[in-house]
Amino acid sequence: TMASLAMTRVMRECREVANATDITEAGIHVILTDNNIRNIQGFIKGPADSPYADGIFEVVMAIPDQYPFAPPKVRFVSRIWHPNISSQTGVICLDILKDKWAASLTIRTVLLSIQAMMCSPEASDPQDAVVARQYITNFDMFKATAKYWAAYFAQSKKDVDQIYREKVFLLKEMGINETDAVVMLSCSDWKLDEAVQCIFSQ
């Protein structure tokens, strides 16, 4: 059956990823739990030359029964500030996961492509309009925000903007949950008064 073909191929591909030194050196790992191809965990290290450097980002892959003739469904579990990834849901806008999918592609190529996309966002074709607007209008703020999210959501040890940290602290002092504070400030271009209005108008 199609489903068992998909299963066999996925098992082989997961083994390939586990055994490939270039992949492990790139900081990419997969975990297949209970042979459940509906829920493969992937871990992608943030590329060194990006604001995501040092972060470890979790993605989840659901493999359809039609695989490899249909693409896997992949989304970020770790929240990330990137124009082509939803900051809310983790849904990814990447052509090979949609109309540019080919049966010759593999889990390995998907994970490497996502890692490459982290280095080279396409703000003209965004999944997240708020992030894309910041990327286009204030690139330095975008980089600092992406770095902050990598530290907060993906355990990057890189130094983050001290002023941003203080603003998050101020909102926490007002009784606002830290994650909500980070998200609202990021979406408000770190304008404290706007973030407060957003939070209290909900």
Protein backbone atom coordinates (compact mmCIF):
# COMPACT_ATOMS: atom_id res chain seq x y z
CA THR A 1 0.00 0.00 0.00
CA MET A 2 0.97 3.66 -0.36
CA ALA A 3 1.09 4.05 3.42
CA SER A 4 3.57 1.21 3.91
CA LEU A 5 5.73 2.51 1.04
CA ALA A 6 5.78 5.91 2.72
CA MET A 7 6.65 4.28 6.04
CA THR A 8 9.55 2.27 4.57
CA ARG A 9 11.00 5.26 2.80
CA VAL A 10 10.69 7.54 5.83
CA MET A 11 12.43 5.01 8.08
CA ARG A 12 15.30 4.85 5.60
CA GLU A 13 15.50 8.64 5.31
CA CYS A 14 15.53 9.10 9.09
CA ARG A 15 18.41 6.61 9.32
CA GLU A 16 20.25 8.52 6.58
CA VAL A 17 19.88 11.79 8.49
CA ALA A 18 21.09 10.15 11.70
CA ASN A 19 24.16 8.66 9.98
CA ALA A 20 25.21 11.59 7.78
CA THR A 21 28.09 13.52 9.32
CA ASP A 22 27.44 16.65 7.24
CA ILE A 23 23.91 16.78 8.63
CA THR A 24 24.92 16.27 12.26
CA GLU A 25 27.68 18.85 11.82
CA ALA A 26 25.06 21.27 10.48
CA GLY A 27 23.19 20.72 13.76
CA ILE A 28 20.22 18.83 12.32
CA HIS A 29 18.65 15.82 14.08
CA VAL A 30 15.45 13.83 13.71
CA ILE A 31 13.58 11.70 16.22
CA LEU A 32 11.04 9.14 15.05
CA THR A 33 8.95 8.08 18.06
CA ASP A 34 7.16 4.71 17.98
CA ASN A 35 7.59 4.59 14.19
CA ASN A 36 4.92 7.29 14.00
CA ILE A 37 5.51 9.04 10.67
CA ARG A 38 2.65 11.43 11.44
CA ASN A 39 4.81 13.07 14.08
CA ILE A 40 8.54 13.22 13.37
CA GLN A 41 10.48 15.65 15.52
CA GLY A 42 13.26 17.58 13.87
CA PHE A 43 15.81 19.86 15.48
CA ILE A 44 17.60 22.56 13.50
CA LYS A 45 20.48 24.60 14.85
CA GLY A 46 20.27 28.28 13.95
CA PRO A 47 22.87 29.06 11.24
CA ALA A 48 26.00 30.84 12.48
CA ASP A 49 25.63 33.81 10.12
CA SER A 50 22.05 34.59 11.15
CA PRO A 51 20.22 36.16 14.12
CA TYR A 52 19.17 32.60 15.04
CA ALA A 53 22.78 31.47 15.69
CA ASP A 54 23.12 29.01 18.59
CA GLY A 55 19.38 28.50 18.98
CA ILE A 56 17.98 24.97 18.69
CA PHE A 57 14.66 25.10 16.85
CA GLU A 58 12.20 22.22 16.99
CA VAL A 59 10.07 21.43 13.96
CA VAL A 60 7.44 18.73 13.57
CA MET A 61 6.85 16.81 10.35
CA ALA A 62 3.73 14.91 9.38
CA ILE A 63 4.31 12.55 6.46
CA PRO A 64 1.26 11.88 4.25
CA ASP A 65 0.44 8.38 2.98
CA GLN A 66 1.18 9.64 -0.58
CA TYR A 67 4.82 10.44 0.34
CA PRO A 68 7.12 10.89 -1.57
CA PHE A 69 4.60 12.04 -4.19
CA ALA A 70 3.18 14.61 -1.76
CA PRO A 71 5.27 16.84 0.51
CA PRO A 72 5.51 16.44 4.28
CA LYS A 73 3.65 18.98 6.38
CA VAL A 74 6.27 20.81 8.43
CA ARG A 75 5.90 23.54 11.00
CA PHE A 76 8.04 25.12 13.70
CA VAL A 77 7.21 24.16 17.28
CA SER A 78 9.79 26.62 18.64
CA ARG A 79 8.54 30.13 18.02
CA ILE A 80 10.69 32.11 15.61
CA TRP A 81 10.72 35.70 14.26
CA HIS A 82 11.12 35.25 10.51
CA PRO A 83 9.14 36.70 7.56
CA ASN A 84 8.48 33.28 5.99
CA ILE A 85 7.38 31.51 9.18
CA SER A 86 4.26 32.40 11.16
CA SER A 87 5.27 33.84 14.53
CA GLN A 88 1.95 32.51 15.89
CA THR A 89 1.52 29.02 14.40
CA GLY A 90 4.97 28.07 13.05
CA VAL A 91 3.58 27.44 9.55
CA ILE A 92 6.36 27.71 6.94
CA CYS A 93 6.16 29.38 3.53
CA LEU A 94 8.69 27.43 1.46
CA ASP A 95 8.15 26.51 -2.21
CA ILE A 96 9.45 22.92 -1.89
CA LEU A 97 6.78 22.25 0.76
CA LYS A 98 4.13 23.33 -1.74
CA ASP A 99 4.15 23.54 -5.56
CA LYS A 100 7.90 22.94 -6.01
CA TRP A 101 7.85 19.58 -4.24
CA ALA A 102 9.39 16.66 -6.17
CA ALA A 103 9.45 12.97 -5.28
CA SER A 104 13.26 13.04 -5.40
CA LEU A 105 13.35 15.34 -2.35
CA THR A 106 13.85 13.87 1.11
CA ILE A 107 13.53 14.72 4.80
CA ARG A 108 17.20 15.63 4.64
CA THR A 109 16.70 18.17 1.83
CA VAL A 110 13.64 19.61 3.58
CA LEU A 111 15.53 20.23 6.83
CA LEU A 112 18.58 21.65 5.03
CA SER A 113 16.31 23.94 2.96
CA ILE A 114 14.59 25.23 6.10
CA GLN A 115 17.98 25.90 7.69
CA ALA A 116 19.12 27.75 4.54
CA MET A 117 15.90 29.80 4.55
CA MET A 118 16.73 30.96 8.09
CA CYS A 119 19.78 32.71 6.55
CA SER A 120 17.97 34.24 3.59
CA PRO A 121 14.41 35.40 4.32
CA GLU A 122 12.16 36.38 1.39
CA ALA A 123 10.21 39.34 2.75
CA SER A 124 8.46 39.82 -0.61
CA ASP A 125 6.60 36.50 -0.14
CA PRO A 126 5.85 36.54 3.57
CA GLN A 127 4.01 34.07 5.78
CA ASP A 128 3.98 36.68 8.57
CA ALA A 129 3.16 40.21 7.39
CA VAL A 130 4.10 41.87 10.70
CA VAL A 131 7.60 40.37 10.68
CA ALA A 132 8.02 41.12 6.96
CA ARG A 133 7.07 44.78 7.50
CA GLN A 134 9.68 45.10 10.26
CA TYR A 135 12.26 43.32 8.10
CA ILE A 136 11.70 45.80 5.24
CA THR A 137 11.30 49.02 7.26
CA ASN A 138 13.78 48.47 10.11
CA PHE A 139 16.24 45.68 9.38
CA ASP A 140 18.34 46.31 12.51
CA MET A 141 15.26 45.99 14.70
CA PHE A 142 14.27 42.81 12.85
CA LYS A 143 17.70 41.29 13.54
CA ALA A 144 17.64 42.29 17.21
CA THR A 145 14.09 40.93 17.61
CA ALA A 146 14.94 37.64 15.86
CA LYS A 147 17.95 37.32 18.16
CA TYR A 148 15.76 38.00 21.21
CA TRP A 149 13.30 35.29 20.14
CA ALA A 150 16.17 32.84 19.51
CA ALA A 151 17.37 33.43 23.07
CA TYR A 152 13.89 33.31 24.61
CA PHE A 153 12.25 30.49 22.62
CA ALA A 154 15.25 28.46 21.35
CA GLN A 155 17.83 28.71 24.14
CA SER A 156 20.41 30.69 22.15
CA LYS A 157 23.10 32.00 24.50
CA LYS A 158 23.75 35.12 22.42
CA ASP A 159 23.48 38.53 24.11
CA VAL A 160 20.16 40.26 23.51
CA ASP A 161 19.27 43.94 23.34
CA GLN A 162 19.32 45.31 26.90
CA ILE A 163 16.62 47.93 26.20
CA TYR A 164 14.29 45.21 24.87
CA ARG A 165 14.95 43.13 27.97
CA GLU A 166 14.07 46.10 30.22
CA LYS A 167 10.80 46.69 28.34
CA VAL A 168 9.82 43.03 28.77
CA PHE A 169 10.65 43.36 32.48
CA LEU A 170 8.44 46.47 32.77
CA LEU A 171 5.47 44.60 31.28
CA LYS A 172 6.12 41.64 33.60
CA GLU A 173 6.01 44.09 36.52
CA MET A 174 2.52 45.06 35.32
CA GLY A 175 1.46 41.43 35.71
CA ILE A 176 1.76 40.48 32.03
CA ASN A 177 2.97 37.00 31.15
CA GLU A 178 6.56 37.14 29.81
CA THR A 179 5.81 35.34 26.53
CA ASP A 180 2.88 37.69 25.82
CA ALA A 181 5.14 40.64 26.63
CA VAL A 182 7.84 39.48 24.18
CA VAL A 183 5.30 38.84 21.40
CA MET A 184 3.35 42.08 21.86
CA LEU A 185 6.49 44.24 22.06
CA SER A 186 7.90 42.57 18.95
CA CYS A 187 4.66 43.17 17.03
CA SER A 188 4.61 46.81 18.20
CA ASP A 189 8.20 47.50 17.09
CA TRP A 190 9.16 47.58 20.79
CA LYS A 191 6.98 50.65 21.49
CA LEU A 192 5.96 50.17 25.10
CA ASP A 193 2.75 52.24 24.97
CA GLU A 194 1.50 50.42 21.83
CA ALA A 195 2.22 47.01 23.34
CA VAL A 196 0.35 47.94 26.53
CA GLN A 197 -2.66 49.14 24.50
CA CYS A 198 -2.66 45.89 22.48
CA ILE A 199 -2.55 43.75 25.60
CA PHE A 200 -5.26 45.61 27.49
CA SER A 201 -7.59 45.94 24.50
CA GLN A 202 -7.76 42.16 24.09
